[in-house]
C-alpha atoms as a PDB file:
ATOM      1  CA  MET A   1      13.218  19.645  76.827  1.00  0.00           C
ATOM      2  CA  GLY A   2      13.838  19.726  73.138  1.00  0.00           C
ATOM      3  CA  ARG A   3      11.718  17.767  70.800  1.00  0.00           C
ATOM      4  CA  LYS A   4      13.061  14.403  69.926  1.00  0.00           C
ATOM      5  CA  GLN A   5      14.038  14.180  66.327  1.00  0.00           C
ATOM      6  CA  LYS A   6      12.623  11.299  64.402  1.00  0.00           C
ATOM      7  CA  LYS A   7      15.175   9.092  62.854  1.00  0.00           C
ATOM      8  CA  PHE A   8      14.458   8.290  59.271  1.00  0.00           C
ATOM      9  CA  ARG A   9      15.910   5.147  57.847  1.00  0.00           C
ATOM     10  CA  ARG A  10      16.415   4.929  54.162  1.00  0.00           C
ATOM     11  CA  GLU A  11      14.928   1.755  52.809  1.00  0.00           C
ATOM     12  CA  LYS A  12      17.471  -0.604  51.398  1.00  0.00           C
ATOM     13  CA  THR A  13      17.055  -1.549  47.799  1.00  0.00           C
ATOM     14  CA  ASN A  14      16.124  -5.158  47.296  1.00  0.00           C
ATOM     15  CA  TRP A  15      18.695  -5.935  44.633  1.00  0.00           C
ATOM     16  CA  SER A  16      17.533  -9.533  44.371  1.00  0.00           C
ATOM     17  CA  VAL A  17      14.585  -8.406  42.234  1.00  0.00           C
ATOM     18  CA  TYR A  18      16.926  -7.096  39.540  1.00  0.00           C
ATOM     19  CA  PRO A  19      18.380  -9.424  36.909  1.00  0.00           C
ATOM     20  CA  LEU A  20      21.870 -10.758  37.457  1.00  0.00           C
ATOM     21  CA  TYR A  21      24.277 -10.732  34.518  1.00  0.00           C
ATOM     22  CA  VAL A  22      26.859 -13.506  34.655  1.00  0.00           C
ATOM     23  CA  ILE A  23      29.800 -12.781  32.357  1.00  0.00           C
ATOM     24  CA  ALA A  24      32.552 -15.317  31.716  1.00  0.00           C
ATOM     25  CA  THR A  25      35.545 -13.725  29.996  1.00  0.00           C
ATOM     26  CA  GLU A  26      38.519 -15.131  28.144  1.00  0.00           C
ATOM     27  CA  GLY A  27      40.620 -12.223  29.408  1.00  0.00           C
ATOM     28  CA  GLU A  28      41.937 -12.219  32.939  1.00  0.00           C
ATOM     29  CA  LYS A  29      42.023  -8.438  33.439  1.00  0.00           C
ATOM     30  CA  THR A  30      41.062  -6.211  30.488  1.00  0.00           C
ATOM     31  CA  GLU A  31      37.422  -7.251  30.120  1.00  0.00           C
ATOM     32  CA  PRO A  32      36.596  -7.460  33.858  1.00  0.00           C
ATOM     33  CA  HIS A  33      38.096  -3.994  34.402  1.00  0.00           C
ATOM     34  CA  TYR A  34      35.915  -2.547  31.640  1.00  0.00           C
ATOM     35  CA  PHE A  35      32.610  -3.994  32.839  1.00  0.00           C
ATOM     36  CA  LYS A  36      33.237  -3.400  36.545  1.00  0.00           C
ATOM     37  CA  SER A  37      34.271   0.203  35.995  1.00  0.00           C
ATOM     38  CA  LEU A  38      31.361   1.152  33.744  1.00  0.00           C
ATOM     39  CA  PHE A  39      28.475  -0.839  35.148  1.00  0.00           C
ATOM     40  CA  ARG A  40      29.031  -2.208  38.643  1.00  0.00           C
ATOM     41  CA  ARG A  41      29.340   1.335  39.976  1.00  0.00           C
ATOM     42  CA  LYS A  42      25.921   2.007  38.449  1.00  0.00           C
ATOM     43  CA  ASN A  43      24.426  -0.725  40.637  1.00  0.00           C
ATOM     44  CA  ILE A  44      24.011  -3.215  37.808  1.00  0.00           C
ATOM     45  CA  ARG A  45      24.004  -6.693  39.305  1.00  0.00           C
ATOM     46  CA  MET A  46      26.742  -8.690  37.674  1.00  0.00           C
ATOM     47  CA  GLU A  47      29.008 -11.588  38.405  1.00  0.00           C
ATOM     48  CA  ILE A  48      32.196 -11.659  36.340  1.00  0.00           C
ATOM     49  CA  LEU A  49      33.986 -14.969  35.942  1.00  0.00           C
ATOM     50  CA  PRO A  50      37.460 -14.045  34.659  1.00  0.00           C
ATOM     51  CA  THR A  51      39.899 -16.585  33.352  1.00  0.00           C
ATOM     52  CA  ARG A  52      42.974 -17.805  35.121  1.00  0.00           C
ATOM     53  CA  ARG A  53      46.330 -18.164  33.471  1.00  0.00           C
ATOM     54  CA  GLY A  54      46.354 -21.268  31.321  1.00  0.00           C
ATOM     55  CA  GLN A  55      42.553 -21.604  31.405  1.00  0.00           C
ATOM     56  CA  SER A  56      41.487 -19.304  28.580  1.00  0.00           C
ATOM     57  CA  SER A  57      40.291 -21.732  25.948  1.00  0.00           C
ATOM     58  CA  ALA A  58      36.736 -21.236  24.746  1.00  0.00           C
ATOM     59  CA  GLU A  59      35.731 -24.578  26.257  1.00  0.00           C
ATOM     60  CA  GLN A  60      37.103 -23.562  29.654  1.00  0.00           C
ATOM     61  CA  VAL A  61      35.329 -20.213  29.528  1.00  0.00           C
ATOM     62  CA  LEU A  62      32.094 -22.005  28.661  1.00  0.00           C
ATOM     63  CA  LYS A  63      32.666 -24.492  31.474  1.00  0.00           C
ATOM     64  CA  ARG A  64      32.812 -21.642  34.007  1.00  0.00           C
ATOM     65  CA  LEU A  65      29.324 -20.558  32.933  1.00  0.00           C
ATOM     66  CA  ASP A  66      28.081 -24.143  33.199  1.00  0.00           C
ATOM     67  CA  ASN A  67      29.526 -24.517  36.701  1.00  0.00           C
ATOM     68  CA  TYR A  68      28.000 -21.243  37.856  1.00  0.00           C
ATOM     69  CA  ARG A  69      24.607 -22.155  36.458  1.00  0.00           C
ATOM     70  CA  ARG A  70      24.638 -25.551  38.184  1.00  0.00           C
ATOM     71  CA  LYS A  71      25.750 -24.068  41.495  1.00  0.00           C
ATOM     72  CA  PHE A  72      23.351 -21.144  41.623  1.00  0.00           C
ATOM     73  CA  ASP A  73      20.543 -22.279  39.304  1.00  0.00           C
ATOM     74  CA  SER A  74      20.994 -19.098  37.281  1.00  0.00           C
ATOM     75  CA  SER A  75      18.733 -18.078  34.400  1.00  0.00           C
ATOM     76  CA  PRO A  76      20.530 -18.743  31.098  1.00  0.00           C
ATOM     77  CA  ASN A  77      19.253 -15.648  29.260  1.00  0.00           C
ATOM     78  CA  LYS A  78      21.481 -13.383  31.418  1.00  0.00           C
ATOM     79  CA  MET A  79      24.631 -15.427  30.937  1.00  0.00           C
ATOM     80  CA  TRP A  80      27.316 -14.193  28.568  1.00  0.00           C
ATOM     81  CA  LEU A  81      30.429 -15.705  27.043  1.00  0.00           C
ATOM     82  CA  VAL A  82      32.970 -12.986  26.120  1.00  0.00           C
ATOM     83  CA  ILE A  83      35.830 -14.381  24.042  1.00  0.00           C
ATOM     84  CA  ASP A  84      38.305 -13.340  21.329  1.00  0.00           C
ATOM     85  CA  ARG A  85      39.054 -14.874  17.954  1.00  0.00           C
ATOM     86  CA  ASP A  86      42.802 -14.173  18.082  1.00  0.00           C
ATOM     87  CA  CYS A  87      43.674 -16.933  20.549  1.00  0.00           C
ATOM     88  CA  GLU A  88      45.818 -19.474  18.714  1.00  0.00           C
ATOM     89  CA  ASN A  89      43.881 -22.308  20.348  1.00  0.00           C
ATOM     90  CA  PHE A  90      40.598 -21.239  18.723  1.00  0.00           C
ATOM     91  CA  SER A  91      40.013 -22.670  15.281  1.00  0.00           C
ATOM     92  CA  LYS A  92      36.959 -21.646  13.252  1.00  0.00           C
ATOM     93  CA  GLU A  93      35.545 -25.138  13.756  1.00  0.00           C
ATOM     94  CA  GLN A  94      36.007 -24.985  17.525  1.00  0.00           C
ATOM     95  CA  LEU A  95      34.361 -21.584  17.713  1.00  0.00           C
ATOM     96  CA  SER A  96      31.480 -22.868  15.622  1.00  0.00           C
ATOM     97  CA  GLN A  97      30.973 -25.677  18.126  1.00  0.00           C
ATOM     98  CA  ILE A  98      31.086 -23.185  20.995  1.00  0.00           C
ATOM     99  CA  ALA A  99      28.474 -21.018  19.269  1.00  0.00           C
ATOM    100  CA  GLN A 100      26.216 -24.049  18.823  1.00  0.00           C
ATOM    101  CA  LYS A 101      26.606 -25.045  22.479  1.00  0.00           C
ATOM    102  CA  CYS A 102      25.808 -21.502  23.626  1.00  0.00           C
ATOM    103  CA  ASP A 103      22.689 -21.494  21.479  1.00  0.00           C
ATOM    104  CA  ALA A 104      21.580 -24.865  22.851  1.00  0.00           C
ATOM    105  CA  LYS A 105      22.130 -23.769  26.461  1.00  0.00           C
ATOM    106  CA  GLY A 106      20.517 -20.366  26.032  1.00  0.00           C
ATOM    107  CA  TYR A 107      23.780 -18.495  26.608  1.00  0.00           C
ATOM    108  CA  ASN A 108      24.752 -15.309  24.796  1.00  0.00           C
ATOM    109  CA  LEU A 109      28.010 -15.170  22.816  1.00  0.00           C
ATOM    110  CA  ALA A 110      29.954 -11.909  22.497  1.00  0.00           C
ATOM    111  CA  LEU A 111      32.865 -12.701  20.191  1.00  0.00           C
ATOM    112  CA  SER A 112      35.462 -10.099  19.209  1.00  0.00           C
ATOM    113  CA  ASN A 113      37.493 -10.662  16.079  1.00  0.00           C
ATOM    114  CA  PRO A 114      40.404 -10.295  16.397  1.00  0.00           C
ATOM    115  CA  CYS A 115      40.255  -9.229  20.072  1.00  0.00           C
ATOM    116  CA  PHE A 116      38.430  -7.287  22.802  1.00  0.00           C
ATOM    117  CA  GLU A 117      40.770  -4.336  22.256  1.00  0.00           C
ATOM    118  CA  LEU A 118      38.945  -3.683  18.975  1.00  0.00           C
ATOM    119  CA  TRP A 119      35.827  -2.898  21.048  1.00  0.00           C
ATOM    120  CA  LEU A 120      37.844  -0.398  23.085  1.00  0.00           C
ATOM    121  CA  LEU A 121      39.128   1.263  19.907  1.00  0.00           C
ATOM    122  CA  LEU A 122      35.568   1.870  18.730  1.00  0.00           C
ATOM    123  CA  HIS A 123      35.057   4.391  21.553  1.00  0.00           C
ATOM    124  CA  GLN A 124      36.092   7.321  19.342  1.00  0.00           C
ATOM    125  CA  GLU A 125      34.685   9.387  16.485  1.00  0.00           C
ATOM    126  CA  LYS A 126      36.713   7.875  13.643  1.00  0.00           C
ATOM    127  CA  PRO A 127      38.351   4.714  14.946  1.00  0.00           C
ATOM    128  CA  LYS A 128      40.790   2.615  13.001  1.00  0.00           C
ATOM    129  CA  GLN A 129      39.676  -0.982  12.693  1.00  0.00           C
ATOM    130  CA  PRO A 130      42.791  -3.202  12.610  1.00  0.00           C
ATOM    131  CA  LEU A 131      42.594  -6.763  11.402  1.00  0.00           C
ATOM    132  CA  THR A 132      45.072  -8.250  13.887  1.00  0.00           C
ATOM    133  CA  ALA A 133      45.355  -8.279  17.662  1.00  0.00           C
ATOM    134  CA  ALA A 134      48.859  -6.794  17.538  1.00  0.00           C
ATOM    135  CA  ALA A 135      47.648  -3.866  15.415  1.00  0.00           C
ATOM    136  CA  CYS A 136      44.664  -3.304  17.741  1.00  0.00           C
ATOM    137  CA  LYS A 137      46.903  -3.105  20.778  1.00  0.00           C
ATOM    138  CA  LYS A 138      49.292  -0.750  18.979  1.00  0.00           C
ATOM    139  CA  GLU A 139      46.436   1.619  18.117  1.00  0.00           C
ATOM    140  CA  LEU A 140      45.060   1.375  21.637  1.00  0.00           C
ATOM    141  CA  LYS A 141      48.388   2.605  23.000  1.00  0.00           C
ATOM    142  CA  LYS A 142      47.932   5.731  20.889  1.00  0.00           C
ATOM    143  CA  LEU A 143      44.427   6.265  22.264  1.00  0.00           C
ATOM    144  CA  ILE A 144      45.401   5.461  25.882  1.00  0.00           C
ATOM    145  CA  PRO A 145      49.196   5.915  26.224  1.00  0.00           C
ATOM    146  CA  ASP A 146      49.327   4.446  29.739  1.00  0.00           C
ATOM    147  CA  PHE A 147      47.157   1.451  28.829  1.00  0.00           C
ATOM    148  CA  THR A 148      47.761  -1.789  30.688  1.00  0.00           C
ATOM    149  CA  LYS A 149      45.493  -4.819  30.803  1.00  0.00           C
ATOM    150  CA  ALA A 150      44.628  -4.321  34.453  1.00  0.00           C
ATOM    151  CA  LYS A 151      44.458  -0.543  34.626  1.00  0.00           C
ATOM    152  CA  TYR A 152      43.242   1.960  32.059  1.00  0.00           C
ATOM    153  CA  ASP A 153      40.901   4.934  31.997  1.00  0.00           C
ATOM    154  CA  VAL A 154      37.546   3.309  31.362  1.00  0.00           C
ATOM    155  CA  ALA A 155      35.688   6.513  32.284  1.00  0.00           C
ATOM    156  CA  LYS A 156      37.275   8.223  29.292  1.00  0.00           C
ATOM    157  CA  LEU A 157      35.987   5.477  27.027  1.00  0.00           C
ATOM    158  CA  GLY A 158      32.586   5.406  28.694  1.00  0.00           C
ATOM    159  CA  LYS A 159      31.824   8.930  27.503  1.00  0.00           C
ATOM    160  CA  ASN A 160      31.742   7.548  23.955  1.00  0.00           C
ATOM    161  CA  ILE A 161      29.980   4.276  24.596  1.00  0.00           C
ATOM    162  CA  ASP A 162      27.144   5.151  22.201  1.00  0.00           C
ATOM    163  CA  LEU A 163      29.711   5.730  19.455  1.00  0.00           C
ATOM    164  CA  ALA A 164      31.250   2.323  20.124  1.00  0.00           C
ATOM    165  CA  VAL A 165      27.857   0.631  19.874  1.00  0.00           C
ATOM    166  CA  ALA A 166      27.075   2.428  16.609  1.00  0.00           C
ATOM    167  CA  HIS A 167      30.447   1.525  15.089  1.00  0.00           C
ATOM    168  CA  ALA A 168      30.131  -2.116  16.140  1.00  0.00           C
ATOM    169  CA  LYS A 169      26.651  -2.376  14.645  1.00  0.00           C
ATOM    170  CA  LYS A 170      27.972  -1.161  11.291  1.00  0.00           C
ATOM    171  CA  LEU A 171      30.623  -3.891  11.373  1.00  0.00           C
ATOM    172  CA  ASP A 172      28.119  -6.625  12.226  1.00  0.00           C
ATOM    173  CA  ASN A 173      27.033  -8.672   9.202  1.00  0.00           C
ATOM    174  CA  GLY A 174      24.949 -11.097  11.254  1.00  0.00           C
ATOM    175  CA  ASP A 175      27.488 -13.913  11.325  1.00  0.00           C
ATOM    176  CA  PRO A 176      28.449 -14.705  14.950  1.00  0.00           C
ATOM    177  CA  LEU A 177      31.860 -15.895  13.745  1.00  0.00           C
ATOM    178  CA  GLN A 178      32.479 -13.317  11.028  1.00  0.00           C
ATOM    179  CA  ASP A 179      35.922 -12.268   9.857  1.00  0.00           C
ATOM    180  CA  PRO A 180      37.665  -9.233  11.354  1.00  0.00           C
ATOM    181  CA  PRO A 181      37.121  -6.512  12.153  1.00  0.00           C
ATOM    182  CA  SER A 182      34.017  -7.242  14.203  1.00  0.00           C
ATOM    183  CA  THR A 183      32.838  -7.422  17.790  1.00  0.00           C
ATOM    184  CA  LYS A 184      29.559  -8.511  19.323  1.00  0.00           C
ATOM    185  CA  VAL A 185      30.370  -6.952  22.697  1.00  0.00           C
ATOM    186  CA  TYR A 186      27.954  -4.144  21.816  1.00  0.00           C
ATOM    187  CA  LYS A 187      25.039  -6.551  22.321  1.00  0.00           C
ATOM    188  CA  LEU A 188      25.988  -7.117  25.953  1.00  0.00           C
ATOM    189  CA  VAL A 189      26.679  -3.404  26.486  1.00  0.00           C
ATOM    190  CA  GLU A 190      23.254  -2.498  25.096  1.00  0.00           C
ATOM    191  CA  LYS A 191      21.595  -4.876  27.565  1.00  0.00           C
ATOM    192  CA  LEU A 192      23.564  -3.417  30.464  1.00  0.00           C
ATOM    193  CA  ASN A 193      22.763   0.126  29.348  1.00  0.00           C
ATOM    194  CA  ASP A 194      19.061  -0.761  29.224  1.00  0.00           C
ATOM    195  CA  GLU A 195      19.242  -2.077  32.787  1.00  0.00           C
ATOM    196  CA  ARG A 196      21.065   1.067  33.919  1.00  0.00           C
ATOM    197  CA  GLU A 197      18.436   3.342  32.375  1.00  0.00           C
ATOM    198  CA  LYS A 198      15.597   1.268  33.813  1.00  0.00           C
ATOM    199  CA  LEU A 199      17.142   1.464  37.277  1.00  0.00           C
ATOM    200  CA  ALA A 200      17.628   5.228  36.951  1.00  0.00           C
ATOM    201  CA  ARG A 201      13.947   5.702  36.027  1.00  0.00           C
ATOM    202  CA  GLN A 202      12.827   3.618  38.988  1.00  0.00           C
ATOM    203  CA  ASN A 203      15.003   5.625  41.350  1.00  0.00           C
ATOM    204  CA  ARG A 204      13.579   8.906  40.031  1.00  0.00           C
ATOM    205  CA  ASN A 205      10.025   7.660  40.576  1.00  0.00           C
ATOM    206  CA  GLN A 206      10.590   6.588  44.167  1.00  0.00           C
END
């Protein structure tokens, strides 16, 4: 009789020990597609709370974070509010109040001015930095001709993610509500990149 082969079972990773990033977005499709494509496939634990049509005001985005935190008792230092400045319902005063509430609750604010598409544009060597949302979207069509909000080649952008972070840092003057062009999305991306690298090191050492 042949020798019985031992069956080896690969141990399952206990993902609960890794931090969970909860991201509430103003956008219904563009932002979730970006973060899911670049980071969820790298085993980063994240929960994305996209908006629904007619529920994209800054207060409503903030409320989704509040509801999630109450329901799941989530740690506030991993909770992110990702919103744009171009929405006609967002005055400077309203955004200032949102920033103050985020600070009081321990949430992180990633504001793009004028819009999230500016962050996407920064994924190139010498990006243009438009001052309006319409101009950002026009330039993005040149970079990604088949761009749609729900479907675009994030992998192509991901190759230049370090460039995007560097460009965004140069635009950042320290004011969370600064005038365009600016985007604080790089702060969230840096945190996610750190988690990805940490996870990769742990996997190599196993």
